Amino acid sequence: MLDPKRRIDTLQLVELAEGMEIHLRTAGPFLRLIAWILDLIIEGVALIFLYLILILISPVLGETVSEGVYLLSFFLIWWFYPVFFEISPWGATLGKRALGLRVVNEAGAGITMGGVNDS
């Protein structure tokens, strides 16, 4: 049987510009899958909630306008939900935060919209 100390190490050694070395732990595929499923559930609940609201106000807006608003909202939520949360100070979507994961750049700092660390 394999010694527990000889398991595959998930620590990545990163040398910073200042010459310091830090260790970053990478998330495995199982944690990433669970976080993705949680995010998918959150996005689905948001879209269902939005759909119900649009059904209620569709007599005022019109059916075609309501459908257009829903489709535009679907696109924005589907594509920009991860972007918005991952460039935020939290550095993670709600599903990733629930599991203690963060999105970081090569130096271990949070990512920004331009991909360059502002600090």
PDB file of N, CA and C in Angstrom:
ATOM      1  N   MET A   1       0.840  -1.184   0.000  1.00  0.00           N
ATOM      2  CA  MET A   1       0.000   0.000   0.000  1.00  0.00           C
ATOM      3  C   MET A   1       0.885   1.247   0.000  1.00  0.00           C
ATOM      4  N   LEU A   2       0.430   2.290  -0.692  1.00  0.00           N
ATOM      5  CA  LEU A   2       1.206   3.518  -0.791  1.00  0.00           C
ATOM      6  C   LEU A   2       1.211   4.272   0.526  1.00  0.00           C
ATOM      7  N   ASP A   3       2.351   4.818   0.832  1.00  0.00           N
ATOM      8  CA  ASP A   3       2.484   5.664   2.020  1.00  0.00           C
ATOM      9  C   ASP A   3       1.711   6.963   1.782  1.00  0.00           C
ATOM     10  N   PRO A   4       0.896   7.407   2.767  1.00  0.00           N
ATOM     11  CA  PRO A   4       0.128   8.647   2.560  1.00  0.00           C
ATOM     12  C   PRO A   4       1.013   9.855   2.261  1.00  0.00           C
ATOM     13  N   LYS A   5       2.240   9.837   2.697  1.00  0.00           N
ATOM     14  CA  LYS A   5       3.142  10.965   2.440  1.00  0.00           C
ATOM     15  C   LYS A   5       3.596  11.006   0.988  1.00  0.00           C
ATOM     16  N   ARG A   6       3.429   9.913   0.260  1.00  0.00           N
ATOM     17  CA  ARG A   6       3.914   9.830  -1.116  1.00  0.00           C
ATOM     18  C   ARG A   6       2.808  10.109  -2.127  1.00  0.00           C
ATOM     19  N   ARG A   7       1.652  10.594  -1.673  1.00  0.00           N
ATOM     20  CA  ARG A   7       0.580  10.929  -2.593  1.00  0.00           C
ATOM     21  C   ARG A   7       1.012  12.081  -3.496  1.00  0.00           C
ATOM     22  N   ILE A   8       0.298  12.262  -4.563  1.00  0.00           N
ATOM     23  CA  ILE A   8       0.597  13.356  -5.482  1.00  0.00           C
ATOM     24  C   ILE A   8       0.393  14.670  -4.751  1.00  0.00           C
ATOM     25  N   ASP A   9       1.387  15.513  -4.796  1.00  0.00           N
ATOM     26  CA  ASP A   9       1.326  16.798  -4.107  1.00  0.00           C
ATOM     27  C   ASP A   9       0.623  17.805  -4.986  1.00  0.00           C
ATOM     28  N   THR A  10      -0.321  18.552  -4.394  1.00  0.00           N
ATOM     29  CA  THR A  10      -1.045  19.566  -5.150  1.00  0.00           C
ATOM     30  C   THR A  10      -0.465  20.952  -4.927  1.00  0.00           C
ATOM     31  N   LEU A  11       0.652  21.045  -4.225  1.00  0.00           N
ATOM     32  CA  LEU A  11       1.280  22.343  -4.013  1.00  0.00           C
ATOM     33  C   LEU A  11       2.157  22.706  -5.203  1.00  0.00           C
ATOM     34  N   GLN A  12       2.000  23.926  -5.666  1.00  0.00           N
ATOM     35  CA  GLN A  12       2.820  24.435  -6.766  1.00  0.00           C
ATOM     36  C   GLN A  12       3.755  25.493  -6.205  1.00  0.00           C
ATOM     37  N   LEU A  13       5.032  25.362  -6.454  1.00  0.00           N
ATOM     38  CA  LEU A  13       6.004  26.342  -6.008  1.00  0.00           C
ATOM     39  C   LEU A  13       6.056  27.476  -7.024  1.00  0.00           C
ATOM     40  N   VAL A  14       5.851  28.712  -6.545  1.00  0.00           N
ATOM     41  CA  VAL A  14       5.842  29.884  -7.415  1.00  0.00           C
ATOM     42  C   VAL A  14       6.866  30.863  -6.887  1.00  0.00           C
ATOM     43  N   GLU A  15       7.757  31.329  -7.776  1.00  0.00           N
ATOM     44  CA  GLU A  15       8.733  32.338  -7.387  1.00  0.00           C
ATOM     45  C   GLU A  15       8.214  33.702  -7.826  1.00  0.00           C
ATOM     46  N   LEU A  16       8.089  34.614  -6.880  1.00  0.00           N
ATOM     47  CA  LEU A  16       7.598  35.956  -7.163  1.00  0.00           C
ATOM     48  C   LEU A  16       8.723  36.835  -7.682  1.00  0.00           C
ATOM     49  N   ALA A  17       8.377  37.997  -8.198  1.00  0.00           N
ATOM     50  CA  ALA A  17       9.365  38.917  -8.757  1.00  0.00           C
ATOM     51  C   ALA A  17      10.371  39.365  -7.713  1.00  0.00           C
ATOM     52  N   GLU A  18       9.952  39.419  -6.458  1.00  0.00           N
ATOM     53  CA  GLU A  18      10.836  39.868  -5.381  1.00  0.00           C
ATOM     54  C   GLU A  18      11.813  38.780  -4.940  1.00  0.00           C
ATOM     55  N   GLY A  19      11.732  37.599  -5.554  1.00  0.00           N
ATOM     56  CA  GLY A  19      12.624  36.506  -5.206  1.00  0.00           C
ATOM     57  C   GLY A  19      12.054  35.593  -4.135  1.00  0.00           C
ATOM     58  N   MET A  20      10.876  35.901  -3.631  1.00  0.00           N
ATOM     59  CA  MET A  20      10.245  35.050  -2.619  1.00  0.00           C
ATOM     60  C   MET A  20       9.597  33.856  -3.294  1.00  0.00           C
ATOM     61  N   GLU A  21       9.533  32.760  -2.566  1.00  0.00           N
ATOM     62  CA  GLU A  21       8.853  31.578  -3.067  1.00  0.00           C
ATOM     63  C   GLU A  21       7.610  31.331  -2.226  1.00  0.00           C
ATOM     64  N   ILE A  22       6.505  31.063  -2.893  1.00  0.00           N
ATOM     65  CA  ILE A  22       5.274  30.740  -2.193  1.00  0.00           C
ATOM     66  C   ILE A  22       4.730  29.424  -2.739  1.00  0.00           C
ATOM     67  N   HIS A  23       3.905  28.775  -1.961  1.00  0.00           N
ATOM     68  CA  HIS A  23       3.271  27.527  -2.378  1.00  0.00           C
ATOM     69  C   HIS A  23       1.788  27.786  -2.581  1.00  0.00           C
ATOM     70  N   LEU A  24       1.286  27.433  -3.745  1.00  0.00           N
ATOM     71  CA  LEU A  24      -0.134  27.551  -4.051  1.00  0.00           C
ATOM     72  C   LEU A  24      -0.714  26.155  -4.226  1.00  0.00           C
ATOM     73  N   ARG A  25      -1.847  25.914  -3.619  1.00  0.00           N
ATOM     74  CA  ARG A  25      -2.516  24.619  -3.748  1.00  0.00           C
ATOM     75  C   ARG A  25      -3.546  24.697  -4.873  1.00  0.00           C
ATOM     76  N   THR A  26      -3.440  23.801  -5.830  1.00  0.00           N
ATOM     77  CA  THR A  26      -4.382  23.781  -6.944  1.00  0.00           C
ATOM     78  C   THR A  26      -5.578  22.902  -6.587  1.00  0.00           C
ATOM     79  N   ALA A  27      -6.726  23.287  -7.075  1.00  0.00           N
ATOM     80  CA  ALA A  27      -7.948  22.525  -6.821  1.00  0.00           C
ATOM     81  C   ALA A  27      -8.022  21.354  -7.794  1.00  0.00           C
ATOM     82  N   GLY A  28      -8.496  20.258  -7.300  1.00  0.00           N
ATOM     83  CA  GLY A  28      -8.642  19.077  -8.134  1.00  0.00           C
ATOM     84  C   GLY A  28      -9.910  19.120  -8.968  1.00  0.00           C
ATOM     85  N   PRO A  29     -10.048  18.177  -9.885  1.00  0.00           N
ATOM     86  CA  PRO A  29     -11.210  18.184 -10.776  1.00  0.00           C
ATOM     87  C   PRO A  29     -12.531  17.956 -10.046  1.00  0.00           C
ATOM     88  N   PHE A  30     -12.537  17.189  -8.959  1.00  0.00           N
ATOM     89  CA  PHE A  30     -13.784  16.936  -8.246  1.00  0.00           C
ATOM     90  C   PHE A  30     -14.323  18.208  -7.608  1.00  0.00           C
ATOM     91  N   LEU A  31     -13.457  18.966  -6.928  1.00  0.00           N
ATOM     92  CA  LEU A  31     -13.895  20.233  -6.327  1.00  0.00           C
ATOM     93  C   LEU A  31     -14.363  21.219  -7.384  1.00  0.00           C
ATOM     94  N   ARG A  32     -13.666  21.269  -8.498  1.00  0.00           N
ATOM     95  CA  ARG A  32     -14.064  22.171  -9.578  1.00  0.00           C
ATOM     96  C   ARG A  32     -15.422  21.771 -10.155  1.00  0.00           C
ATOM     97  N   LEU A  33     -15.667  20.478 -10.280  1.00  0.00           N
ATOM     98  CA  LEU A  33     -16.941  19.991 -10.792  1.00  0.00           C
ATOM     99  C   LEU A  33     -18.086  20.361  -9.845  1.00  0.00           C
ATOM    100  N   ILE A  34     -17.879  20.163  -8.558  1.00  0.00           N
ATOM    101  CA  ILE A  34     -18.913  20.508  -7.575  1.00  0.00           C
ATOM    102  C   ILE A  34     -19.185  22.009  -7.600  1.00  0.00           C
ATOM    103  N   ALA A  35     -18.137  22.821  -7.678  1.00  0.00           N
ATOM    104  CA  ALA A  35     -18.312  24.278  -7.743  1.00  0.00           C
ATOM    105  C   ALA A  35     -19.062  24.670  -9.014  1.00  0.00           C
ATOM    106  N   TRP A  36     -18.752  24.019 -10.131  1.00  0.00           N
ATOM    107  CA  TRP A  36     -19.441  24.310 -11.391  1.00  0.00           C
ATOM    108  C   TRP A  36     -20.918  23.945 -11.296  1.00  0.00           C
ATOM    109  N   ILE A  37     -21.223  22.811 -10.679  1.00  0.00           N
ATOM    110  CA  ILE A  37     -22.616  22.397 -10.517  1.00  0.00           C
ATOM    111  C   ILE A  37     -23.360  23.390  -9.620  1.00  0.00           C
ATOM    112  N   LEU A  38     -22.731  23.828  -8.532  1.00  0.00           N
ATOM    113  CA  LEU A  38     -23.355  24.826  -7.660  1.00  0.00           C
ATOM    114  C   LEU A  38     -23.621  26.124  -8.421  1.00  0.00           C
ATOM    115  N   ASP A  39     -22.659  26.559  -9.206  1.00  0.00           N
ATOM    116  CA  ASP A  39     -22.844  27.779 -10.006  1.00  0.00           C
ATOM    117  C   ASP A  39     -23.955  27.597 -11.039  1.00  0.00           C
ATOM    118  N   LEU A  40     -24.036  26.419 -11.630  1.00  0.00           N
ATOM    119  CA  LEU A  40     -25.088  26.133 -12.591  1.00  0.00           C
ATOM    120  C   LEU A  40     -26.467  26.202 -11.932  1.00  0.00           C
ATOM    121  N   ILE A  41     -26.576  25.677 -10.715  1.00  0.00           N
ATOM    122  CA  ILE A  41     -27.836  25.736  -9.976  1.00  0.00           C
ATOM    123  C   ILE A  41     -28.191  27.187  -9.653  1.00  0.00           C
ATOM    124  N   ILE A  42     -27.216  27.969  -9.227  1.00  0.00           N
ATOM    125  CA  ILE A  42     -27.457  29.381  -8.905  1.00  0.00           C
ATOM    126  C   ILE A  42     -27.914  30.148 -10.138  1.00  0.00           C
ATOM    127  N   GLU A  43     -27.247  29.930 -11.262  1.00  0.00           N
ATOM    128  CA  GLU A  43     -27.648  30.594 -12.507  1.00  0.00           C
ATOM    129  C   GLU A  43     -29.054  30.163 -12.925  1.00  0.00           C
ATOM    130  N   GLY A  44     -29.352  28.883 -12.786  1.00  0.00           N
ATOM    131  CA  GLY A  44     -30.678  28.387 -13.143  1.00  0.00           C
ATOM    132  C   GLY A  44     -31.776  28.988 -12.289  1.00  0.00           C
ATOM    133  N   VAL A  45     -31.529  29.090 -10.977  1.00  0.00           N
ATOM    134  CA  VAL A  45     -32.517  29.690 -10.080  1.00  0.00           C
ATOM    135  C   VAL A  45     -32.722  31.163 -10.434  1.00  0.00           C
ATOM    136  N   ALA A  46     -31.651  31.877 -10.739  1.00  0.00           N
ATOM    137  CA  ALA A  46     -31.771  33.290 -11.124  1.00  0.00           C
ATOM    138  C   ALA A  46     -32.577  33.433 -12.410  1.00  0.00           C
ATOM    139  N   LEU A  47     -32.343  32.553 -13.369  1.00  0.00           N
ATOM    140  CA  LEU A  47     -33.080  32.625 -14.635  1.00  0.00           C
ATOM    141  C   LEU A  47     -34.550  32.263 -14.455  1.00  0.00           C
ATOM    142  N   ILE A  48     -34.843  31.297 -13.612  1.00  0.00           N
ATOM    143  CA  ILE A  48     -36.246  30.936 -13.342  1.00  0.00           C
ATOM    144  C   ILE A  48     -36.953  32.089 -12.642  1.00  0.00           C
ATOM    145  N   PHE A  49     -36.288  32.696 -11.667  1.00  0.00           N
ATOM    146  CA  PHE A  49     -36.865  33.844 -10.962  1.00  0.00           C
ATOM    147  C   PHE A  49     -37.143  34.990 -11.935  1.00  0.00           C
ATOM    148  N   LEU A  50     -36.189  35.274 -12.804  1.00  0.00           N
ATOM    149  CA  LEU A  50     -36.371  36.326 -13.814  1.00  0.00           C
ATOM    150  C   LEU A  50     -37.516  35.982 -14.765  1.00  0.00           C
ATOM    151  N   TYR A  51     -37.609  34.722 -15.157  1.00  0.00           N
ATOM    152  CA  TYR A  51     -38.679  34.277 -16.050  1.00  0.00           C
ATOM    153  C   TYR A  51     -40.050  34.493 -15.410  1.00  0.00           C
ATOM    154  N   LEU A  52     -40.171  34.163 -14.126  1.00  0.00           N
ATOM    155  CA  LEU A  52     -41.439  34.347 -13.427  1.00  0.00           C
ATOM    156  C   LEU A  52     -41.818  35.825 -13.340  1.00  0.00           C
ATOM    157  N   ILE A  53     -40.844  36.667 -13.097  1.00  0.00           N
ATOM    158  CA  ILE A  53     -41.111  38.108 -13.054  1.00  0.00           C
ATOM    159  C   ILE A  53     -41.566  38.601 -14.429  1.00  0.00           C
ATOM    160  N   LEU A  54     -40.885  38.146 -15.477  1.00  0.00           N
ATOM    161  CA  LEU A  54     -41.252  38.580 -16.829  1.00  0.00           C
ATOM    162  C   LEU A  54     -42.625  38.053 -17.251  1.00  0.00           C
ATOM    163  N   ILE A  55     -43.015  36.889 -16.763  1.00  0.00           N
ATOM    164  CA  ILE A  55     -44.362  36.388 -17.054  1.00  0.00           C
ATOM    165  C   ILE A  55     -45.403  37.318 -16.436  1.00  0.00           C
ATOM    166  N   LEU A  56     -45.113  37.789 -15.216  1.00  0.00           N
ATOM    167  CA  LEU A  56     -46.060  38.666 -14.541  1.00  0.00           C
ATOM    168  C   LEU A  56     -46.187  40.027 -15.222  1.00  0.00           C
ATOM    169  N   ILE A  57     -45.101  40.542 -15.772  1.00  0.00           N
ATOM    170  CA  ILE A  57     -45.171  41.872 -16.391  1.00  0.00           C
ATOM    171  C   ILE A  57     -45.295  41.825 -17.909  1.00  0.00           C
ATOM    172  N   SER A  58     -45.388  40.619 -18.489  1.00  0.00           N
ATOM    173  CA  SER A  58     -45.507  40.525 -19.945  1.00  0.00           C
ATOM    174  C   SER A  58     -46.792  41.149 -20.492  1.00  0.00           C
ATOM    175  N   PRO A  59     -47.922  41.171 -19.763  1.00  0.00           N
ATOM    176  CA  PRO A  59     -49.083  41.882 -20.321  1.00  0.00           C
ATOM    177  C   PRO A  59     -48.825  43.378 -20.511  1.00  0.00           C
ATOM    178  N   VAL A  60     -47.961  43.945 -19.680  1.00  0.00           N
ATOM    179  CA  VAL A  60     -47.640  45.369 -19.791  1.00  0.00           C
ATOM    180  C   VAL A  60     -46.613  45.598 -20.899  1.00  0.00           C
ATOM    181  N   LEU A  61     -45.552  44.802 -20.912  1.00  0.00           N
ATOM    182  CA  LEU A  61     -44.466  44.979 -21.890  1.00  0.00           C
ATOM    183  C   LEU A  61     -44.808  44.423 -23.261  1.00  0.00           C
ATOM    184  N   GLY A  62     -45.562  43.376 -23.273  1.00  0.00           N
ATOM    185  CA  GLY A  62     -45.816  42.657 -24.522  1.00  0.00           C
ATOM    186  C   GLY A  62     -45.012  41.372 -24.522  1.00  0.00           C
ATOM    187  N   GLU A  63     -45.547  40.375 -25.167  1.00  0.00           N
ATOM    188  CA  GLU A  63     -44.906  39.058 -25.137  1.00  0.00           C
ATOM    189  C   GLU A  63     -43.560  39.053 -25.845  1.00  0.00           C
ATOM    190  N   THR A  64     -43.455  39.731 -26.964  1.00  0.00           N
ATOM    191  CA  THR A  64     -42.211  39.751 -27.737  1.00  0.00           C
ATOM    192  C   THR A  64     -41.105  40.484 -26.983  1.00  0.00           C
ATOM    193  N   VAL A  65     -41.446  41.604 -26.366  1.00  0.00           N
ATOM    194  CA  VAL A  65     -40.452  42.363 -25.598  1.00  0.00           C
ATOM    195  C   VAL A  65     -40.001  41.553 -24.389  1.00  0.00           C
ATOM    196  N   SER A  66     -40.924  40.900 -23.710  1.00  0.00           N
ATOM    197  CA  SER A  66     -40.571  40.076 -22.549  1.00  0.00           C
ATOM    198  C   SER A  66     -39.638  38.941 -22.941  1.00  0.00           C
ATOM    199  N   GLU A  67     -39.935  38.329 -24.080  1.00  0.00           N
ATOM    200  CA  GLU A  67     -39.071  37.249 -24.554  1.00  0.00           C
ATOM    201  C   GLU A  67     -37.683  37.775 -24.903  1.00  0.00           C
ATOM    202  N   GLY A  68     -37.618  38.932 -25.530  1.00  0.00           N
ATOM    203  CA  GLY A  68     -36.326  39.541 -25.852  1.00  0.00           C
ATOM    204  C   GLY A  68     -35.528  39.897 -24.613  1.00  0.00           C
ATOM    205  N   VAL A  69     -36.192  40.447 -23.604  1.00  0.00           N
ATOM    206  CA  VAL A  69     -35.521  40.788 -22.346  1.00  0.00           C
ATOM    207  C   VAL A  69     -35.003  39.524 -21.668  1.00  0.00           C
ATOM    208  N   TYR A  70     -35.799  38.454 -21.701  1.00  0.00           N
ATOM    209  CA  TYR A  70     -35.371  37.202 -21.089  1.00  0.00           C
ATOM    210  C   TYR A  70     -34.151  36.626 -21.817  1.00  0.00           C
ATOM    211  N   LEU A  71     -34.191  36.618 -23.130  1.00  0.00           N
ATOM    212  CA  LEU A  71     -33.061  36.066 -23.882  1.00  0.00           C
ATOM    213  C   LEU A  71     -31.788  36.890 -23.683  1.00  0.00           C
ATOM    214  N   LEU A  72     -31.929  38.204 -23.641  1.00  0.00           N
ATOM    215  CA  LEU A  72     -30.763  39.051 -23.373  1.00  0.00           C
ATOM    216  C   LEU A  72     -30.228  38.810 -21.966  1.00  0.00           C
ATOM    217  N   SER A  73     -31.130  38.692 -21.011  1.00  0.00           N
ATOM    218  CA  SER A  73     -30.726  38.410 -19.626  1.00  0.00           C
ATOM    219  C   SER A  73     -30.073  37.044 -19.513  1.00  0.00           C
ATOM    220  N   PHE A  74     -30.612  36.063 -20.222  1.00  0.00           N
ATOM    221  CA  PHE A  74     -30.024  34.728 -20.235  1.00  0.00           C
ATOM    222  C   PHE A  74     -28.582  34.788 -20.721  1.00  0.00           C
ATOM    223  N   PHE A  75     -28.360  35.497 -21.813  1.00  0.00           N
ATOM    224  CA  PHE A  75     -27.007  35.640 -22.355  1.00  0.00           C
ATOM    225  C   PHE A  75     -26.075  36.304 -21.345  1.00  0.00           C
ATOM    226  N   LEU A  76     -26.530  37.414 -20.757  1.00  0.00           N
ATOM    227  CA  LEU A  76     -25.681  38.152 -19.821  1.00  0.00           C
ATOM    228  C   LEU A  76     -25.356  37.331 -18.578  1.00  0.00           C
ATOM    229  N   ILE A  77     -26.339  36.635 -18.035  1.00  0.00           N
ATOM    230  CA  ILE A  77     -26.093  35.813 -16.842  1.00  0.00           C
ATOM    231  C   ILE A  77     -25.185  34.643 -17.188  1.00  0.00           C
ATOM    232  N   TRP A  78     -25.457  33.968 -18.288  1.00  0.00           N
ATOM    233  CA  TRP A  78     -24.686  32.791 -18.663  1.00  0.00           C
ATOM    234  C   TRP A  78     -23.213  33.124 -18.925  1.00  0.00           C
ATOM    235  N   TRP A  79     -22.954  34.251 -19.600  1.00  0.00           N
ATOM    236  CA  TRP A  79     -21.578  34.583 -19.965  1.00  0.00           C
ATOM    237  C   TRP A  79     -20.850  35.432 -18.937  1.00  0.00           C
ATOM    238  N   PHE A  80     -21.530  36.317 -18.237  1.00  0.00           N
ATOM    239  CA  PHE A  80     -20.823  37.268 -17.383  1.00  0.00           C
ATOM    240  C   PHE A  80     -20.924  36.990 -15.894  1.00  0.00           C
ATOM    241  N   TYR A  81     -21.702  36.000 -15.479  1.00  0.00           N
ATOM    242  CA  TYR A  81     -21.743  35.615 -14.067  1.00  0.00           C
ATOM    243  C   TYR A  81     -20.346  35.248 -13.560  1.00  0.00           C
ATOM    244  N   PRO A  82     -19.620  34.334 -14.219  1.00  0.00           N
ATOM    245  CA  PRO A  82     -18.286  34.009 -13.709  1.00  0.00           C
ATOM    246  C   PRO A  82     -17.312  35.177 -13.809  1.00  0.00           C
ATOM    247  N   VAL A  83     -17.396  35.962 -14.862  1.00  0.00           N
ATOM    248  CA  VAL A  83     -16.479  37.092 -15.035  1.00  0.00           C
ATOM    249  C   VAL A  83     -16.669  38.102 -13.910  1.00  0.00           C
ATOM    250  N   PHE A  84     -17.914  38.471 -13.653  1.00  0.00           N
ATOM    251  CA  PHE A  84     -18.208  39.462 -12.624  1.00  0.00           C
ATOM    252  C   PHE A  84     -17.690  39.018 -11.255  1.00  0.00           C
ATOM    253  N   PHE A  85     -17.959  37.792 -10.870  1.00  0.00           N
ATOM    254  CA  PHE A  85     -17.561  37.329  -9.547  1.00  0.00           C
ATOM    255  C   PHE A  85     -16.065  37.041  -9.447  1.00  0.00           C
ATOM    256  N   GLU A  86     -15.433  36.570 -10.510  1.00  0.00           N
ATOM    257  CA  GLU A  86     -14.015  36.220 -10.422  1.00  0.00           C
ATOM    258  C   GLU A  86     -13.101  37.436 -10.445  1.00  0.00           C
ATOM    259  N   ILE A  87     -13.545  38.570 -11.019  1.00  0.00           N
ATOM    260  CA  ILE A  87     -12.722  39.777 -10.952  1.00  0.00           C
ATOM    261  C   ILE A  87     -13.084  40.632  -9.747  1.00  0.00           C
ATOM    262  N   SER A  88     -14.081  40.212  -8.987  1.00  0.00           N
ATOM    263  CA  SER A  88     -14.463  40.938  -7.770  1.00  0.00           C
ATOM    264  C   SER A  88     -13.397  40.717  -6.698  1.00  0.00           C
ATOM    265  N   PRO A  89     -13.459  41.456  -5.607  1.00  0.00           N
ATOM    266  CA  PRO A  89     -12.488  41.248  -4.523  1.00  0.00           C
ATOM    267  C   PRO A  89     -12.511  39.825  -3.946  1.00  0.00           C
ATOM    268  N   TRP A  90     -13.635  39.119  -4.072  1.00  0.00           N
ATOM    269  CA  TRP A  90     -13.702  37.745  -3.566  1.00  0.00           C
ATOM    270  C   TRP A  90     -12.863  36.803  -4.414  1.00  0.00           C
ATOM    271  N   GLY A  91     -12.788  37.067  -5.698  1.00  0.00           N
ATOM    272  CA  GLY A  91     -11.989  36.233  -6.591  1.00  0.00           C
ATOM    273  C   GLY A  91     -12.594  34.873  -6.883  1.00  0.00           C
ATOM    274  N   ALA A  92     -13.908  34.733  -6.696  1.00  0.00           N
ATOM    275  CA  ALA A  92     -14.536  33.436  -6.936  1.00  0.00           C
ATOM    276  C   ALA A  92     -16.027  33.608  -7.158  1.00  0.00           C
ATOM    277  N   THR A  93     -16.598  32.689  -7.910  1.00  0.00           N
ATOM    278  CA  THR A  93     -18.046  32.663  -8.050  1.00  0.00           C
ATOM    279  C   THR A  93     -18.643  32.160  -6.744  1.00  0.00           C
ATOM    280  N   LEU A  94     -19.957  32.212  -6.627  1.00  0.00           N
ATOM    281  CA  LEU A  94     -20.600  31.769  -5.388  1.00  0.00           C
ATOM    282  C   LEU A  94     -20.361  30.285  -5.118  1.00  0.00           C
ATOM    283  N   GLY A  95     -20.357  29.478  -6.157  1.00  0.00           N
ATOM    284  CA  GLY A  95     -20.075  28.050  -5.995  1.00  0.00           C
ATOM    285  C   GLY A  95     -18.648  27.796  -5.537  1.00  0.00           C
ATOM    286  N   LYS A  96     -17.700  28.533  -6.083  1.00  0.00           N
ATOM    287  CA  LYS A  96     -16.303  28.387  -5.670  1.00  0.00           C
ATOM    288  C   LYS A  96     -16.102  28.885  -4.248  1.00  0.00           C
ATOM    289  N   ARG A  97     -16.762  29.991  -3.894  1.00  0.00           N
ATOM    290  CA  ARG A  97     -16.660  30.498  -2.524  1.00  0.00           C
ATOM    291  C   ARG A  97     -17.195  29.498  -1.521  1.00  0.00           C
ATOM    292  N   ALA A  98     -18.272  28.802  -1.875  1.00  0.00           N
ATOM    293  CA  ALA A  98     -18.857  27.813  -0.974  1.00  0.00           C
ATOM    294  C   ALA A  98     -17.877  26.677  -0.676  1.00  0.00           C
ATOM    295  N   LEU A  99     -16.987  26.400  -1.620  1.00  0.00           N
ATOM    296  CA  LEU A  99     -16.010  25.323  -1.440  1.00  0.00           C
ATOM    297  C   LEU A  99     -14.624  25.837  -1.056  1.00  0.00           C
ATOM    298  N   GLY A 100     -14.497  27.146  -0.875  1.00  0.00           N
ATOM    299  CA  GLY A 100     -13.208  27.709  -0.457  1.00  0.00           C
ATOM    300  C   GLY A 100     -12.194  27.832  -1.572  1.00  0.00           C
ATOM    301  N   LEU A 101     -12.644  27.927  -2.820  1.00  0.00           N
ATOM    302  CA  LEU A 101     -11.733  28.077  -3.956  1.00  0.00           C
ATOM    303  C   LEU A 101     -11.648  29.535  -4.366  1.00  0.00           C
ATOM    304  N   ARG A 102     -10.525  29.906  -4.958  1.00  0.00           N
ATOM    305  CA  ARG A 102     -10.340  31.252  -5.508  1.00  0.00           C
ATOM    306  C   ARG A 102      -9.643  31.147  -6.846  1.00  0.00           C
ATOM    307  N   VAL A 103      -9.895  32.143  -7.700  1.00  0.00           N
ATOM    308  CA  VAL A 103      -9.204  32.244  -8.981  1.00  0.00           C
ATOM    309  C   VAL A 103      -8.070  33.247  -8.798  1.00  0.00           C
ATOM    310  N   VAL A 104      -6.854  32.828  -9.074  1.00  0.00           N
ATOM    311  CA  VAL A 104      -5.684  33.688  -8.890  1.00  0.00           C
ATOM    312  C   VAL A 104      -4.817  33.656 -10.144  1.00  0.00           C
ATOM    313  N   ASN A 105      -3.935  34.657 -10.251  1.00  0.00           N
ATOM    314  CA  ASN A 105      -2.990  34.660 -11.370  1.00  0.00           C
ATOM    315  C   ASN A 105      -1.751  33.848 -11.000  1.00  0.00           C
ATOM    316  N   GLU A 106      -0.730  33.899 -11.827  1.00  0.00           N
ATOM    317  CA  GLU A 106       0.466  33.082 -11.609  1.00  0.00           C
ATOM    318  C   GLU A 106       1.193  33.417 -10.319  1.00  0.00           C
ATOM    319  N   ALA A 107       1.039  34.648  -9.831  1.00  0.00           N
ATOM    320  CA  ALA A 107       1.724  35.074  -8.612  1.00  0.00           C
ATOM    321  C   ALA A 107       0.873  34.847  -7.365  1.00  0.00           C
ATOM    322  N   GLY A 108      -0.313  34.322  -7.518  1.00  0.00           N
ATOM    323  CA  GLY A 108      -1.164  34.059  -6.371  1.00  0.00           C
ATOM    324  C   GLY A 108      -2.072  35.218  -5.989  1.00  0.00           C
ATOM    325  N   ALA A 109      -2.048  36.296  -6.753  1.00  0.00           N
ATOM    326  CA  ALA A 109      -2.918  37.451  -6.474  1.00  0.00           C
ATOM    327  C   ALA A 109      -4.220  37.295  -7.258  1.00  0.00           C
ATOM    328  N   GLY A 110      -5.228  38.050  -6.848  1.00  0.00           N
ATOM    329  CA  GLY A 110      -6.510  38.014  -7.541  1.00  0.00           C
ATOM    330  C   GLY A 110      -6.376  38.530  -8.962  1.00  0.00           C
ATOM    331  N   ILE A 111      -7.264  38.082  -9.832  1.00  0.00           N
ATOM    332  CA  ILE A 111      -7.214  38.529 -11.224  1.00  0.00           C
ATOM    333  C   ILE A 111      -8.014  39.808 -11.395  1.00  0.00           C
ATOM    334  N   THR A 112      -7.717  40.531 -12.447  1.00  0.00           N
ATOM    335  CA  THR A 112      -8.431  41.761 -12.783  1.00  0.00           C
ATOM    336  C   THR A 112      -8.968  41.630 -14.199  1.00  0.00           C
ATOM    337  N   MET A 113      -9.740  42.612 -14.618  1.00  0.00           N
ATOM    338  CA  MET A 113     -10.336  42.560 -15.954  1.00  0.00           C
ATOM    339  C   MET A 113      -9.272  42.516 -17.039  1.00  0.00           C
ATOM    340  N   GLY A 114      -8.192  43.241 -16.861  1.00  0.00           N
ATOM    341  CA  GLY A 114      -7.124  43.233 -17.855  1.00  0.00           C
ATOM    342  C   GLY A 114      -6.139  42.086 -17.685  1.00  0.00           C
ATOM    343  N   GLY A 115      -6.289  41.325 -16.619  1.00  0.00           N
ATOM    344  CA  GLY A 115      -5.378  40.227 -16.371  1.00  0.00           C
ATOM    345  C   GLY A 115      -4.074  40.656 -15.745  1.00  0.00           C
ATOM    346  N   VAL A 116      -3.937  41.935 -15.399  1.00  0.00           N
ATOM    347  CA  VAL A 116      -2.722  42.462 -14.803  1.00  0.00           C
ATOM    348  C   VAL A 116      -3.023  42.826 -13.362  1.00  0.00           C
ATOM    349  N   ASN A 117      -2.135  42.458 -12.469  1.00  0.00           N
ATOM    350  CA  ASN A 117      -2.336  42.747 -11.050  1.00  0.00           C
ATOM    351  C   ASN A 117      -2.143  44.255 -10.831  1.00  0.00           C
ATOM    352  N   ASP A 118      -3.145  44.910 -10.226  1.00  0.00           N
ATOM    353  CA  ASP A 118      -3.088  46.361 -10.014  1.00  0.00           C
ATOM    354  C   ASP A 118      -2.248  46.759  -8.801  1.00  0.00           C
ATOM    355  N   SER A 119      -1.975  45.840  -7.917  1.00  0.00           N
ATOM    356  CA  SER A 119      -1.262  46.229  -6.689  1.00  0.00           C
ATOM    357  C   SER A 119       0.228  46.296  -6.874  1.00  0.00           C
TER     358      SER A 119
END
